[in-house]
Amino acid sequence: MEHNKKVMEKISPIKKRILQFIENIGITKVVFCEKTSISYANLKGKGLQSEIGGEQIGKILSVYQQISAEWLLTGKGEMLRQPVSTAQEVAYEDKYRALLERHVALQEEHIALQRQLAALLEE
């Protein structure tokens, strides 16, 4: 048990995150390695202690496009990227909400000006 703990402490941080990602999406290391053409030896035993190369990271990011590059490399942010379409929808919703609020404000201003005009015409 003590040996396993020491091995876990020596795992490359990026490889730790790769293992977290594999577990998160519910696939095996074998499937992950087959899809990314990364040697299975990289994800077991002493292979976990070495850093992973840039070419391999690029392959992971191209095969699993949902993984956040920032999270994979630094551990910061969310594991999974927000889909572009969802991000665009949020941006459009924010713009729509702002335009709608501006429209309502202009309508209220228009009504107030009409009342002022009516009051002036009555005088």
Protein backbone atom coordinates (compact mmCIF):
# COMPACT_ATOMS: atom_id res chain seq x y z
CA MET A 1 0.00 0.00 0.00
CA GLU A 2 2.83 2.40 0.88
CA HIS A 3 4.49 1.61 -2.45
CA ASN A 4 1.32 2.53 -4.39
CA LYS A 5 1.10 5.83 -2.51
CA LYS A 6 4.69 6.71 -3.43
CA VAL A 7 4.06 5.84 -7.08
CA MET A 8 0.90 7.99 -7.13
CA GLU A 9 2.84 10.96 -5.72
CA LYS A 10 5.37 10.72 -8.55
CA ILE A 11 2.85 10.70 -11.40
CA SER A 12 3.31 13.51 -13.88
CA PRO A 13 0.63 16.18 -13.23
CA ILE A 14 -0.56 16.07 -16.85
CA LYS A 15 -0.83 12.29 -16.75
CA LYS A 16 -2.84 12.56 -13.51
CA ARG A 17 -5.28 14.81 -15.37
CA ILE A 18 -5.36 12.42 -18.33
CA LEU A 19 -6.33 9.62 -15.93
CA GLN A 20 -9.02 11.87 -14.40
CA PHE A 21 -10.37 12.62 -17.88
CA ILE A 22 -10.42 8.93 -18.83
CA GLU A 23 -12.34 8.12 -15.66
CA ASN A 24 -14.69 11.07 -16.16
CA ILE A 25 -15.77 10.04 -19.65
CA GLY A 26 -15.98 6.38 -18.67
CA ILE A 27 -13.54 4.73 -21.05
CA THR A 28 -10.61 2.43 -20.42
CA LYS A 29 -6.96 3.40 -20.71
CA VAL A 30 -6.69 0.91 -23.57
CA VAL A 31 -9.44 2.64 -25.57
CA PHE A 32 -7.90 6.04 -24.85
CA CYS A 33 -4.49 4.86 -26.03
CA GLU A 34 -5.90 3.27 -29.17
CA LYS A 35 -7.77 6.45 -30.14
CA THR A 36 -4.80 8.75 -29.46
CA SER A 37 -2.05 6.38 -30.68
CA ILE A 38 -0.30 6.87 -27.34
CA SER A 39 1.54 3.87 -25.95
CA TYR A 40 -0.29 2.17 -23.09
CA ALA A 41 3.06 2.05 -21.26
CA ASN A 42 2.73 5.84 -20.77
CA LEU A 43 -0.29 5.31 -18.52
CA LYS A 44 0.91 2.52 -16.25
CA GLY A 45 3.66 1.89 -13.73
CA LYS A 46 6.82 3.91 -14.10
CA GLY A 47 5.56 5.33 -17.40
CA LEU A 48 3.22 7.53 -15.35
CA GLN A 49 6.21 9.33 -13.83
CA SER A 50 7.57 10.73 -17.09
CA GLU A 51 6.20 13.85 -18.71
CA ILE A 52 4.12 13.48 -21.84
CA GLY A 53 5.36 15.07 -25.06
CA GLY A 54 3.83 17.99 -26.91
CA GLU A 55 2.96 15.85 -29.94
CA GLN A 56 1.03 13.46 -27.71
CA ILE A 57 -0.79 16.34 -26.00
CA GLY A 58 -1.73 17.70 -29.43
CA LYS A 59 -3.09 14.30 -30.43
CA ILE A 60 -5.18 14.10 -27.22
CA LEU A 61 -6.61 17.57 -27.81
CA SER A 62 -7.47 16.80 -31.43
CA VAL A 63 -9.13 13.44 -30.67
CA TYR A 64 -10.93 14.58 -27.51
CA GLN A 65 -11.95 18.10 -28.48
CA GLN A 66 -14.16 18.46 -25.42
CA ILE A 67 -11.13 18.54 -23.10
CA SER A 68 -9.89 21.97 -22.06
CA ALA A 69 -6.26 22.53 -23.08
CA GLU A 70 -5.78 24.92 -20.16
CA TRP A 71 -7.04 22.32 -17.69
CA LEU A 72 -4.95 19.55 -19.24
CA LEU A 73 -1.74 21.58 -19.17
CA THR A 74 -2.14 23.56 -15.95
CA GLY A 75 -5.00 22.06 -13.98
CA LYS A 76 -6.79 25.42 -13.99
CA GLY A 77 -10.38 25.86 -15.07
CA GLU A 78 -12.90 23.22 -16.01
CA MET A 79 -11.97 19.81 -17.39
CA LEU A 80 -14.40 20.08 -20.27
CA ARG A 81 -14.73 22.98 -22.67
CA GLN A 82 -18.07 24.66 -23.12
CA PRO A 83 -19.33 23.81 -26.61
CA VAL A 84 -18.89 26.71 -29.02
CA SER A 85 -22.57 26.72 -29.92
CA THR A 86 -23.53 27.04 -26.25
CA ALA A 87 -21.04 29.85 -25.75
CA GLN A 88 -22.45 31.64 -28.78
CA GLU A 89 -25.99 31.14 -27.52
CA VAL A 90 -25.06 32.68 -24.17
CA ALA A 91 -23.47 35.66 -25.94
CA TYR A 92 -26.55 36.10 -28.13
CA GLU A 93 -28.86 35.82 -25.12
CA ASP A 94 -26.85 38.51 -23.31
CA LYS A 95 -27.00 40.80 -26.36
CA TYR A 96 -30.72 40.13 -26.75
CA ARG A 97 -31.38 40.88 -23.08
CA ALA A 98 -29.42 44.15 -23.32
CA LEU A 99 -31.26 45.19 -26.49
CA LEU A 100 -34.61 44.30 -24.96
CA GLU A 101 -33.84 46.36 -21.85
CA ARG A 102 -32.82 49.29 -24.07
CA HIS A 103 -36.01 48.89 -26.11
CA VAL A 104 -38.17 48.96 -22.96
CA ALA A 105 -36.34 52.05 -21.69
CA LEU A 106 -36.86 53.83 -25.02
CA GLN A 107 -40.56 52.92 -25.01
CA GLU A 108 -40.93 54.33 -21.50
CA GLU A 109 -39.13 57.49 -22.56
CA HIS A 110 -41.38 57.74 -25.63
CA ILE A 111 -44.51 57.42 -23.48
CA ALA A 112 -43.23 60.09 -21.09
CA LEU A 113 -42.53 62.45 -24.01
CA GLN A 114 -46.00 61.84 -25.45
CA ARG A 115 -47.54 62.73 -22.09
CA GLN A 116 -45.46 65.92 -21.93
CA LEU A 117 -46.54 66.83 -25.45
CA ALA A 118 -50.18 66.16 -24.62
CA ALA A 119 -49.90 68.33 -21.51
CA LEU A 120 -48.33 71.16 -23.52
CA LEU A 121 -51.02 70.94 -26.17
CA GLU A 122 -53.73 71.16 -23.52
CA GLU A 123 -52.33 74.45 -22.18
